[in-house]
PDB file of N, CA and C in Angstrom:
ATOM      1  N   MET A   1       0.849  -1.173   0.000  1.00  0.00           N
ATOM      2  CA  MET A   1       0.000   0.000   0.000  1.00  0.00           C
ATOM      3  C   MET A   1       0.894   1.234   0.000  1.00  0.00           C
ATOM      4  N   SER A   2       0.603   2.165  -0.870  1.00  0.00           N
ATOM      5  CA  SER A   2       1.398   3.378  -1.002  1.00  0.00           C
ATOM      6  C   SER A   2       0.738   4.514  -0.235  1.00  0.00           C
ATOM      7  N   SER A   3       1.546   5.218   0.565  1.00  0.00           N
ATOM      8  CA  SER A   3       1.005   6.369   1.295  1.00  0.00           C
ATOM      9  C   SER A   3       1.439   7.637   0.578  1.00  0.00           C
ATOM     10  N   SER A   4       0.507   8.558   0.432  1.00  0.00           N
ATOM     11  CA  SER A   4       0.848   9.826  -0.218  1.00  0.00           C
ATOM     12  C   SER A   4       1.320  10.805   0.848  1.00  0.00           C
ATOM     13  N   LEU A   5       2.442  11.420   0.584  1.00  0.00           N
ATOM     14  CA  LEU A   5       3.011  12.375   1.528  1.00  0.00           C
ATOM     15  C   LEU A   5       2.508  13.773   1.209  1.00  0.00           C
ATOM     16  N   SER A   6       2.218  14.520   2.231  1.00  0.00           N
ATOM     17  CA  SER A   6       1.757  15.887   2.061  1.00  0.00           C
ATOM     18  C   SER A   6       2.923  16.782   1.672  1.00  0.00           C
ATOM     19  N   ALA A   7       2.626  17.840   0.940  1.00  0.00           N
ATOM     20  CA  ALA A   7       3.651  18.802   0.562  1.00  0.00           C
ATOM     21  C   ALA A   7       4.014  19.713   1.729  1.00  0.00           C
ATOM     22  N   MET A   8       3.162  19.746   2.747  1.00  0.00           N
ATOM     23  CA  MET A   8       3.419  20.587   3.914  1.00  0.00           C
ATOM     24  C   MET A   8       4.471  19.926   4.799  1.00  0.00           C
ATOM     25  N   PRO A   9       5.338  20.722   5.388  1.00  0.00           N
ATOM     26  CA  PRO A   9       6.331  20.143   6.300  1.00  0.00           C
ATOM     27  C   PRO A   9       5.666  19.572   7.553  1.00  0.00           C
ATOM     28  N   ALA A  10       6.381  18.699   8.228  1.00  0.00           N
ATOM     29  CA  ALA A  10       5.822  17.999   9.381  1.00  0.00           C
ATOM     30  C   ALA A  10       5.571  18.928  10.554  1.00  0.00           C
ATOM     31  N   GLY A  11       6.409  19.910  10.746  1.00  0.00           N
ATOM     32  CA  GLY A  11       6.253  20.782  11.902  1.00  0.00           C
ATOM     33  C   GLY A  11       6.558  22.221  11.564  1.00  0.00           C
ATOM     34  N   PRO A  12       6.096  23.132  12.393  1.00  0.00           N
ATOM     35  CA  PRO A  12       6.331  24.544  12.108  1.00  0.00           C
ATOM     36  C   PRO A  12       7.796  24.945  12.190  1.00  0.00           C
ATOM     37  N   ASP A  13       8.601  24.166  12.922  1.00  0.00           N
ATOM     38  CA  ASP A  13      10.018  24.511  13.047  1.00  0.00           C
ATOM     39  C   ASP A  13      10.793  24.220  11.769  1.00  0.00           C
ATOM     40  N   ARG A  14      10.194  23.514  10.831  1.00  0.00           N
ATOM     41  CA  ARG A  14      10.876  23.180   9.585  1.00  0.00           C
ATOM     42  C   ARG A  14      10.582  24.188   8.482  1.00  0.00           C
ATOM     43  N   ARG A  15       9.750  25.189   8.760  1.00  0.00           N
ATOM     44  CA  ARG A  15       9.395  26.172   7.747  1.00  0.00           C
ATOM     45  C   ARG A  15      10.348  27.358   7.813  1.00  0.00           C
ATOM     46  N   ASP A  16      10.470  28.030   6.697  1.00  0.00           N
ATOM     47  CA  ASP A  16      11.322  29.217   6.607  1.00  0.00           C
ATOM     48  C   ASP A  16      10.703  30.339   7.448  1.00  0.00           C
ATOM     49  N   PRO A  17      11.444  30.909   8.388  1.00  0.00           N
ATOM     50  CA  PRO A  17      10.877  31.967   9.250  1.00  0.00           C
ATOM     51  C   PRO A  17      10.360  33.170   8.470  1.00  0.00           C
ATOM     52  N   ASP A  18      11.010  33.515   7.359  1.00  0.00           N
ATOM     53  CA  ASP A  18      10.535  34.635   6.544  1.00  0.00           C
ATOM     54  C   ASP A  18       9.192  34.305   5.898  1.00  0.00           C
ATOM     55  N   GLU A  19       9.033  33.061   5.476  1.00  0.00           N
ATOM     56  CA  GLU A  19       7.770  32.628   4.868  1.00  0.00           C
ATOM     57  C   GLU A  19       6.645  32.658   5.909  1.00  0.00           C
ATOM     58  N   VAL A  20       6.947  32.212   7.109  1.00  0.00           N
ATOM     59  CA  VAL A  20       5.954  32.222   8.187  1.00  0.00           C
ATOM     60  C   VAL A  20       5.561  33.654   8.527  1.00  0.00           C
ATOM     61  N   ALA A  21       6.545  34.549   8.608  1.00  0.00           N
ATOM     62  CA  ALA A  21       6.260  35.949   8.923  1.00  0.00           C
ATOM     63  C   ALA A  21       5.420  36.594   7.824  1.00  0.00           C
ATOM     64  N   ALA A  22       5.718  36.292   6.573  1.00  0.00           N
ATOM     65  CA  ALA A  22       4.947  36.856   5.460  1.00  0.00           C
ATOM     66  C   ALA A  22       3.515  36.334   5.480  1.00  0.00           C
ATOM     67  N   GLN A  23       3.351  35.046   5.766  1.00  0.00           N
ATOM     68  CA  GLN A  23       2.006  34.480   5.833  1.00  0.00           C
ATOM     69  C   GLN A  23       1.228  35.106   6.990  1.00  0.00           C
ATOM     70  N   ARG A  24       1.893  35.338   8.111  1.00  0.00           N
ATOM     71  CA  ARG A  24       1.235  35.962   9.260  1.00  0.00           C
ATOM     72  C   ARG A  24       0.800  37.389   8.923  1.00  0.00           C
ATOM     73  N   ARG A  25       1.664  38.137   8.231  1.00  0.00           N
ATOM     74  CA  ARG A  25       1.297  39.505   7.831  1.00  0.00           C
ATOM     75  C   ARG A  25       0.086  39.501   6.907  1.00  0.00           C
ATOM     76  N   ARG A  26       0.046  38.553   5.956  1.00  0.00           N
ATOM     77  CA  ARG A  26      -1.106  38.465   5.056  1.00  0.00           C
ATOM     78  C   ARG A  26      -2.371  38.118   5.820  1.00  0.00           C
ATOM     79  N   ALA A  27      -2.264  37.224   6.787  1.00  0.00           N
ATOM     80  CA  ALA A  27      -3.427  36.830   7.576  1.00  0.00           C
ATOM     81  C   ALA A  27      -3.931  37.997   8.422  1.00  0.00           C
ATOM     82  N   VAL A  28      -3.024  38.761   9.017  1.00  0.00           N
ATOM     83  CA  VAL A  28      -3.423  39.915   9.828  1.00  0.00           C
ATOM     84  C   VAL A  28      -4.077  40.969   8.940  1.00  0.00           C
ATOM     85  N   ARG A  29      -3.495  41.217   7.776  1.00  0.00           N
ATOM     86  CA  ARG A  29      -4.061  42.206   6.856  1.00  0.00           C
ATOM     87  C   ARG A  29      -5.465  41.800   6.417  1.00  0.00           C
ATOM     88  N   MET A  30      -5.659  40.519   6.104  1.00  0.00           N
ATOM     89  CA  MET A  30      -6.977  40.039   5.687  1.00  0.00           C
ATOM     90  C   MET A  30      -7.971  40.151   6.840  1.00  0.00           C
ATOM     91  N   ALA A  31      -7.548  39.834   8.047  1.00  0.00           N
ATOM     92  CA  ALA A  31      -8.441  39.938   9.211  1.00  0.00           C
ATOM     93  C   ALA A  31      -8.851  41.390   9.447  1.00  0.00           C
ATOM     94  N   LEU A  32      -7.916  42.317   9.286  1.00  0.00           N
ATOM     95  CA  LEU A  32      -8.246  43.733   9.452  1.00  0.00           C
ATOM     96  C   LEU A  32      -9.234  44.200   8.392  1.00  0.00           C
ATOM     97  N   TRP A  33      -9.023  43.797   7.139  1.00  0.00           N
ATOM     98  CA  TRP A  33      -9.960  44.165   6.074  1.00  0.00           C
ATOM     99  C   TRP A  33     -11.346  43.606   6.350  1.00  0.00           C
ATOM    100  N   LEU A  34     -11.411  42.345   6.720  1.00  0.00           N
ATOM    101  CA  LEU A  34     -12.719  41.738   6.991  1.00  0.00           C
ATOM    102  C   LEU A  34     -13.394  42.401   8.187  1.00  0.00           C
ATOM    103  N   GLY A  35     -12.610  42.770   9.189  1.00  0.00           N
ATOM    104  CA  GLY A  35     -13.159  43.471  10.344  1.00  0.00           C
ATOM    105  C   GLY A  35     -13.724  44.825   9.960  1.00  0.00           C
ATOM    106  N   MET A  36     -13.010  45.546   9.093  1.00  0.00           N
ATOM    107  CA  MET A  36     -13.506  46.852   8.654  1.00  0.00           C
ATOM    108  C   MET A  36     -14.785  46.716   7.833  1.00  0.00           C
ATOM    109  N   VAL A  37     -14.845  45.711   6.982  1.00  0.00           N
ATOM    110  CA  VAL A  37     -16.060  45.479   6.192  1.00  0.00           C
ATOM    111  C   VAL A  37     -17.222  45.126   7.109  1.00  0.00           C
ATOM    112  N   ALA A  38     -16.989  44.267   8.078  1.00  0.00           N
ATOM    113  CA  ALA A  38     -18.045  43.891   9.017  1.00  0.00           C
ATOM    114  C   ALA A  38     -18.513  45.106   9.816  1.00  0.00           C
ATOM    115  N   ALA A  39     -17.586  45.947  10.253  1.00  0.00           N
ATOM    116  CA  ALA A  39     -17.956  47.151  11.006  1.00  0.00           C
ATOM    117  C   ALA A  39     -18.756  48.110  10.124  1.00  0.00           C
ATOM    118  N   ALA A  40     -18.375  48.255   8.868  1.00  0.00           N
ATOM    119  CA  ALA A  40     -19.106  49.136   7.953  1.00  0.00           C
ATOM    120  C   ALA A  40     -20.527  48.625   7.726  1.00  0.00           C
ATOM    121  N   ILE A  41     -20.677  47.316   7.567  1.00  0.00           N
ATOM    122  CA  ILE A  41     -22.013  46.739   7.391  1.00  0.00           C
ATOM    123  C   ILE A  41     -22.834  46.950   8.656  1.00  0.00           C
ATOM    124  N   TYR A  42     -22.238  46.771   9.800  1.00  0.00           N
ATOM    125  CA  TYR A  42     -22.932  46.971  11.075  1.00  0.00           C
ATOM    126  C   TYR A  42     -23.397  48.420  11.225  1.00  0.00           C
ATOM    127  N   VAL A  43     -22.510  49.368  10.934  1.00  0.00           N
ATOM    128  CA  VAL A  43     -22.866  50.781  11.032  1.00  0.00           C
ATOM    129  C   VAL A  43     -23.973  51.114  10.035  1.00  0.00           C
ATOM    130  N   ALA A  44     -23.873  50.602   8.814  1.00  0.00           N
ATOM    131  CA  ALA A  44     -24.915  50.856   7.823  1.00  0.00           C
ATOM    132  C   ALA A  44     -26.255  50.285   8.282  1.00  0.00           C
ATOM    133  N   PHE A  45     -26.245  49.124   8.893  1.00  0.00           N
ATOM    134  CA  PHE A  45     -27.475  48.524   9.395  1.00  0.00           C
ATOM    135  C   PHE A  45     -28.087  49.395  10.490  1.00  0.00           C
ATOM    136  N   ILE A  46     -27.267  49.851  11.413  1.00  0.00           N
ATOM    137  CA  ILE A  46     -27.765  50.707  12.500  1.00  0.00           C
ATOM    138  C   ILE A  46     -28.307  52.021  11.940  1.00  0.00           C
ATOM    139  N   LEU A  47     -27.564  52.653  11.051  1.00  0.00           N
ATOM    140  CA  LEU A  47     -27.995  53.934  10.481  1.00  0.00           C
ATOM    141  C   LEU A  47     -29.257  53.785   9.628  1.00  0.00           C
ATOM    142  N   SER A  48     -29.418  52.658   8.982  1.00  0.00           N
ATOM    143  CA  SER A  48     -30.622  52.472   8.161  1.00  0.00           C
ATOM    144  C   SER A  48     -31.865  52.406   9.064  1.00  0.00           C
ATOM    145  N   GLY A  49     -31.721  51.896  10.263  1.00  0.00           N
ATOM    146  CA  GLY A  49     -32.842  51.863  11.193  1.00  0.00           C
ATOM    147  C   GLY A  49     -33.084  53.215  11.844  1.00  0.00           C
ATOM    148  N   VAL A  50     -32.028  53.973  12.061  1.00  0.00           N
ATOM    149  CA  VAL A  50     -32.157  55.263  12.734  1.00  0.00           C
ATOM    150  C   VAL A  50     -32.769  56.295  11.801  1.00  0.00           C
ATOM    151  N   PHE A  51     -32.342  56.278  10.545  1.00  0.00           N
ATOM    152  CA  PHE A  51     -32.790  57.308   9.613  1.00  0.00           C
ATOM    153  C   PHE A  51     -33.950  56.851   8.727  1.00  0.00           C
ATOM    154  N   ALA A  52     -34.591  55.749   9.054  1.00  0.00           N
ATOM    155  CA  ALA A  52     -35.724  55.266   8.255  1.00  0.00           C
ATOM    156  C   ALA A  52     -36.906  56.214   8.441  1.00  0.00           C
ATOM    157  N   PRO A  53     -37.590  56.542   7.349  1.00  0.00           N
ATOM    158  CA  PRO A  53     -38.726  57.476   7.463  1.00  0.00           C
ATOM    159  C   PRO A  53     -39.934  56.888   8.158  1.00  0.00           C
TER     160      PRO A  53
END
């Protein structure tokens, strides 16, 4: 029986620290963008109820 090996390294200590840092920066940036979009939708929802005729 043949086992297929994953392309991902076995542990985080085997990854390039620069690659890990870059991935972390991308993840933080994406989380901030999604947070801002969610906050904008929330504010729009609140304002639509406040200013409804």
